[in-house]
Each structure stands twice: as C-alpha cells, then as structure tokens.
Amino acid sequence: MIKEIELIQSKYYPEEALEVLGNLIQQKIAYHTQKTLRHNEMFGTPDEQAEIRLVALKHIKKTLIEELKQLDPQTVLQINGHVSLSIVTQ
C-alpha cells in the first residue's frame, strides 16, 4: 500500500501559519512525550528514540516561531504538506 494524503494545501499569513504548523508540531511533541512517559513507567527508562525526536521537534518549533515572527504580518505563505503512507517490512 502506498498512499499520499494532502494534509495542508493553502495560503496563510504568518500568524495563521504559526497556528497551523505550531499545532501540528505540538501534537507530535505530545505524542512523543506520552510515548517516553509510558516507556519510563513500563521499563524504568525513557524511550531514547522518543527523547531524540522531542529535542528535534522542539528545535523545529522554536526556529519556525522565530522565522515567522520576523516576516511582515501581511506576507502570504503557501503551505503544502502531505503525508506518505507505505508498508515496511515487519
């Protein structure tokens, strides 16, 4: 199975783009936070991969906020985001 999902395909002002993209990133942060907490409860140690991803996502969010806040509020941004789904070997 290979599937492409158009998740975002629209124009946004910087404040709107920050809301849309910031919320997506925040959901991923919440997912990996819960994952590492569950792993810690079950095994007594954090999930290393989730911890690495958390650091990366927080950096991405911080950078995005800084870059979007530097733009003129009337700047129009085109955001295209898609998700690719494919089966990997189990």
N, C-alpha and C. Protein backbone atom coordinates (compact mmCIF):
# COMPACT_ATOMS: atom_id res chain seq x y z
N MET A 1 0.84 -1.18 0.00
CA MET A 1 0.00 0.00 0.00
C MET A 1 0.88 1.24 0.00
N ILE A 2 0.62 2.11 -0.90
CA ILE A 2 1.25 3.43 -0.91
C ILE A 2 0.13 4.44 -1.04
N LYS A 3 0.09 5.40 -0.14
CA LYS A 3 -0.97 6.38 -0.12
C LYS A 3 -0.40 7.75 0.17
N GLU A 4 -0.87 8.73 -0.54
CA GLU A 4 -0.48 10.13 -0.32
C GLU A 4 -1.71 10.88 0.18
N ILE A 5 -1.56 11.63 1.25
CA ILE A 5 -2.65 12.42 1.81
C ILE A 5 -2.22 13.88 1.80
N GLU A 6 -3.01 14.72 1.14
CA GLU A 6 -2.74 16.16 1.18
C GLU A 6 -3.29 16.70 2.49
N LEU A 7 -2.42 16.98 3.41
CA LEU A 7 -2.82 17.43 4.74
C LEU A 7 -3.06 18.93 4.77
N ILE A 8 -2.17 19.67 4.12
CA ILE A 8 -2.29 21.13 4.07
C ILE A 8 -2.01 21.56 2.63
N GLN A 9 -2.86 22.41 2.11
CA GLN A 9 -2.61 22.98 0.79
C GLN A 9 -3.39 24.28 0.71
N SER A 10 -2.76 25.34 1.23
CA SER A 10 -3.46 26.61 1.29
C SER A 10 -2.48 27.75 1.52
N LYS A 11 -3.02 28.96 1.49
CA LYS A 11 -2.24 30.17 1.73
C LYS A 11 -2.58 30.70 3.12
N TYR A 12 -1.54 31.18 3.81
CA TYR A 12 -1.71 31.68 5.17
C TYR A 12 -0.86 32.92 5.39
N TYR A 13 -1.33 33.78 6.27
CA TYR A 13 -0.49 34.86 6.79
C TYR A 13 0.41 34.23 7.85
N PRO A 14 1.53 34.87 8.19
CA PRO A 14 2.46 34.27 9.15
C PRO A 14 1.81 33.84 10.47
N GLU A 15 0.91 34.66 11.01
CA GLU A 15 0.27 34.30 12.28
C GLU A 15 -0.57 33.03 12.14
N GLU A 16 -1.28 32.92 11.01
CA GLU A 16 -2.09 31.72 10.75
C GLU A 16 -1.20 30.50 10.53
N ALA A 17 -0.12 30.71 9.78
CA ALA A 17 0.81 29.61 9.52
C ALA A 17 1.41 29.09 10.82
N LEU A 18 1.73 30.01 11.72
CA LEU A 18 2.27 29.62 13.01
C LEU A 18 1.24 28.80 13.80
N GLU A 19 -0.01 29.20 13.74
CA GLU A 19 -1.05 28.45 14.44
C GLU A 19 -1.20 27.05 13.86
N VAL A 20 -1.30 26.95 12.55
CA VAL A 20 -1.50 25.65 11.90
C VAL A 20 -0.29 24.74 12.12
N LEU A 21 0.89 25.22 11.75
CA LEU A 21 2.09 24.40 11.87
C LEU A 21 2.50 24.17 13.32
N GLY A 22 2.34 25.21 14.14
CA GLY A 22 2.65 25.07 15.56
C GLY A 22 1.80 24.01 16.23
N ASN A 23 0.52 23.95 15.88
CA ASN A 23 -0.36 22.93 16.44
C ASN A 23 0.02 21.53 15.99
N LEU A 24 0.39 21.39 14.73
CA LEU A 24 0.84 20.07 14.25
C LEU A 24 2.08 19.60 14.98
N ILE A 25 3.04 20.51 15.11
CA ILE A 25 4.28 20.16 15.80
C ILE A 25 3.99 19.86 17.27
N GLN A 26 3.11 20.64 17.89
CA GLN A 26 2.78 20.43 19.30
C GLN A 26 2.12 19.07 19.51
N GLN A 27 1.31 18.63 18.57
CA GLN A 27 0.70 17.30 18.68
C GLN A 27 1.75 16.20 18.62
N LYS A 28 2.75 16.39 17.76
CA LYS A 28 3.84 15.41 17.69
C LYS A 28 4.65 15.43 18.99
N ILE A 29 4.86 16.60 19.55
CA ILE A 29 5.58 16.71 20.83
C ILE A 29 4.80 15.97 21.92
N ALA A 30 3.49 16.16 21.95
CA ALA A 30 2.65 15.48 22.95
C ALA A 30 2.70 13.97 22.77
N TYR A 31 2.67 13.52 21.52
CA TYR A 31 2.74 12.08 21.24
C TYR A 31 4.04 11.48 21.77
N HIS A 32 5.15 12.11 21.45
CA HIS A 32 6.45 11.56 21.88
C HIS A 32 6.66 11.72 23.39
N THR A 33 6.09 12.74 23.98
CA THR A 33 6.15 12.89 25.44
C THR A 33 5.41 11.74 26.11
N GLN A 34 4.21 11.45 25.64
CA GLN A 34 3.44 10.33 26.20
C GLN A 34 4.16 9.00 25.98
N LYS A 35 4.75 8.84 24.81
CA LYS A 35 5.45 7.61 24.49
C LYS A 35 6.61 7.37 25.45
N THR A 36 7.39 8.40 25.72
CA THR A 36 8.53 8.23 26.61
C THR A 36 8.07 8.05 28.07
N LEU A 37 6.97 8.71 28.44
CA LEU A 37 6.44 8.51 29.80
C LEU A 37 5.95 7.08 30.00
N ARG A 38 5.24 6.55 29.01
CA ARG A 38 4.77 5.15 29.10
C ARG A 38 5.95 4.19 29.17
N HIS A 39 6.95 4.44 28.37
CA HIS A 39 8.14 3.58 28.36
C HIS A 39 8.82 3.64 29.73
N ASN A 40 8.90 4.83 30.30
CA ASN A 40 9.52 5.01 31.61
C ASN A 40 8.73 4.25 32.69
N GLU A 41 7.40 4.30 32.59
CA GLU A 41 6.57 3.58 33.58
C GLU A 41 6.74 2.08 33.45
N MET A 42 6.85 1.59 32.22
CA MET A 42 6.93 0.14 32.00
C MET A 42 8.33 -0.42 32.23
N PHE A 43 9.36 0.32 31.83
CA PHE A 43 10.72 -0.22 31.85
C PHE A 43 11.68 0.54 32.77
N GLY A 44 11.23 1.66 33.31
CA GLY A 44 12.08 2.43 34.22
C GLY A 44 13.07 3.34 33.54
N THR A 45 12.98 3.43 32.22
CA THR A 45 13.85 4.34 31.46
C THR A 45 13.04 5.02 30.38
N PRO A 46 13.43 6.24 30.00
CA PRO A 46 12.73 6.91 28.91
C PRO A 46 12.99 6.21 27.57
N ASP A 47 12.10 6.40 26.63
CA ASP A 47 12.28 5.88 25.27
C ASP A 47 13.31 6.77 24.57
N GLU A 48 14.46 6.21 24.26
CA GLU A 48 15.56 7.01 23.71
C GLU A 48 15.18 7.66 22.38
N GLN A 49 14.53 6.92 21.50
CA GLN A 49 14.16 7.47 20.20
C GLN A 49 13.15 8.60 20.36
N ALA A 50 12.20 8.44 21.26
CA ALA A 50 11.21 9.48 21.51
C ALA A 50 11.89 10.73 22.08
N GLU A 51 12.86 10.53 22.95
CA GLU A 51 13.58 11.65 23.55
C GLU A 51 14.37 12.43 22.48
N ILE A 52 15.00 11.70 21.57
CA ILE A 52 15.74 12.34 20.47
C ILE A 52 14.78 13.13 19.59
N ARG A 53 13.63 12.53 19.29
CA ARG A 53 12.65 13.21 18.43
C ARG A 53 12.09 14.45 19.13
N LEU A 54 11.88 14.37 20.44
CA LEU A 54 11.38 15.52 21.20
C LEU A 54 12.34 16.71 21.09
N VAL A 55 13.62 16.46 21.23
CA VAL A 55 14.61 17.54 21.11
C VAL A 55 14.52 18.16 19.72
N ALA A 56 14.45 17.33 18.69
CA ALA A 56 14.38 17.82 17.31
C ALA A 56 13.11 18.63 17.07
N LEU A 57 11.98 18.13 17.54
CA LEU A 57 10.71 18.83 17.33
C LEU A 57 10.67 20.17 18.05
N LYS A 58 11.20 20.21 19.25
CA LYS A 58 11.23 21.48 20.00
C LYS A 58 12.11 22.49 19.28
N HIS A 59 13.20 22.03 18.71
CA HIS A 59 14.08 22.93 17.96
C HIS A 59 13.37 23.43 16.69
N ILE A 60 12.70 22.54 15.99
CA ILE A 60 11.95 22.91 14.80
C ILE A 60 10.90 23.97 15.14
N LYS A 61 10.16 23.75 16.22
CA LYS A 61 9.11 24.70 16.61
C LYS A 61 9.71 26.06 16.96
N LYS A 62 10.79 26.06 17.72
CA LYS A 62 11.43 27.32 18.12
C LYS A 62 11.91 28.09 16.88
N THR A 63 12.55 27.39 15.96
CA THR A 63 13.05 28.02 14.74
C THR A 63 11.90 28.56 13.90
N LEU A 64 10.84 27.79 13.77
CA LEU A 64 9.68 28.21 13.00
C LEU A 64 9.07 29.49 13.58
N ILE A 65 8.91 29.52 14.88
CA ILE A 65 8.36 30.71 15.55
C ILE A 65 9.24 31.93 15.26
N GLU A 66 10.53 31.77 15.43
CA GLU A 66 11.46 32.89 15.20
C GLU A 66 11.37 33.40 13.76
N GLU A 67 11.36 32.48 12.80
CA GLU A 67 11.34 32.87 11.38
C GLU A 67 10.01 33.52 10.99
N LEU A 68 8.90 32.97 11.45
CA LEU A 68 7.60 33.53 11.08
C LEU A 68 7.36 34.88 11.73
N LYS A 69 7.87 35.08 12.94
CA LYS A 69 7.69 36.37 13.62
C LYS A 69 8.50 37.48 12.97
N GLN A 70 9.52 37.13 12.19
CA GLN A 70 10.33 38.12 11.51
C GLN A 70 9.67 38.62 10.22
N LEU A 71 8.68 37.91 9.74
CA LEU A 71 8.02 38.29 8.49
C LEU A 71 7.02 39.42 8.70
N ASP A 72 6.81 40.19 7.66
CA ASP A 72 5.74 41.19 7.66
C ASP A 72 4.42 40.45 7.86
N PRO A 73 3.55 40.92 8.75
CA PRO A 73 2.29 40.23 9.02
C PRO A 73 1.39 40.06 7.79
N GLN A 74 1.61 40.88 6.76
CA GLN A 74 0.79 40.78 5.55
C GLN A 74 1.40 39.86 4.49
N THR A 75 2.54 39.26 4.79
CA THR A 75 3.15 38.31 3.87
C THR A 75 2.24 37.11 3.72
N VAL A 76 2.08 36.65 2.50
CA VAL A 76 1.26 35.46 2.25
C VAL A 76 2.19 34.28 1.99
N LEU A 77 1.95 33.21 2.72
CA LEU A 77 2.76 32.00 2.60
C LEU A 77 1.91 30.87 2.03
N GLN A 78 2.46 30.14 1.10
CA GLN A 78 1.80 28.94 0.59
C GLN A 78 2.37 27.75 1.34
N ILE A 79 1.51 26.99 1.98
CA ILE A 79 1.95 25.81 2.71
C ILE A 79 1.37 24.59 2.02
N ASN A 80 2.25 23.69 1.64
CA ASN A 80 1.86 22.41 1.05
C ASN A 80 2.46 21.32 1.92
N GLY A 81 1.62 20.52 2.48
CA GLY A 81 2.11 19.44 3.32
C GLY A 81 1.35 18.17 3.02
N HIS A 82 2.09 17.12 2.78
CA HIS A 82 1.42 15.85 2.54
C HIS A 82 2.07 14.76 3.38
N VAL A 83 1.32 13.70 3.56
CA VAL A 83 1.78 12.56 4.33
C VAL A 83 1.83 11.38 3.36
N SER A 84 2.93 10.64 3.40
CA SER A 84 3.07 9.45 2.58
C SER A 84 2.99 8.23 3.49
N LEU A 85 2.13 7.32 3.14
CA LEU A 85 1.98 6.08 3.89
C LEU A 85 2.46 4.92 3.02
N SER A 86 3.28 4.07 3.58
CA SER A 86 3.71 2.88 2.85
C SER A 86 3.98 1.78 3.85
N ILE A 87 3.81 0.56 3.40
CA ILE A 87 4.07 -0.60 4.26
C ILE A 87 5.56 -0.89 4.24
N VAL A 88 6.11 -1.12 5.43
CA VAL A 88 7.51 -1.50 5.54
C VAL A 88 7.58 -2.94 6.02
N THR A 89 8.71 -3.56 5.85
CA THR A 89 8.88 -4.93 6.29
C THR A 89 8.64 -5.03 7.79
N GLN A 90 7.92 -6.02 8.18
CA GLN A 90 7.56 -6.17 9.60
C GLN A 90 8.58 -6.98 10.35
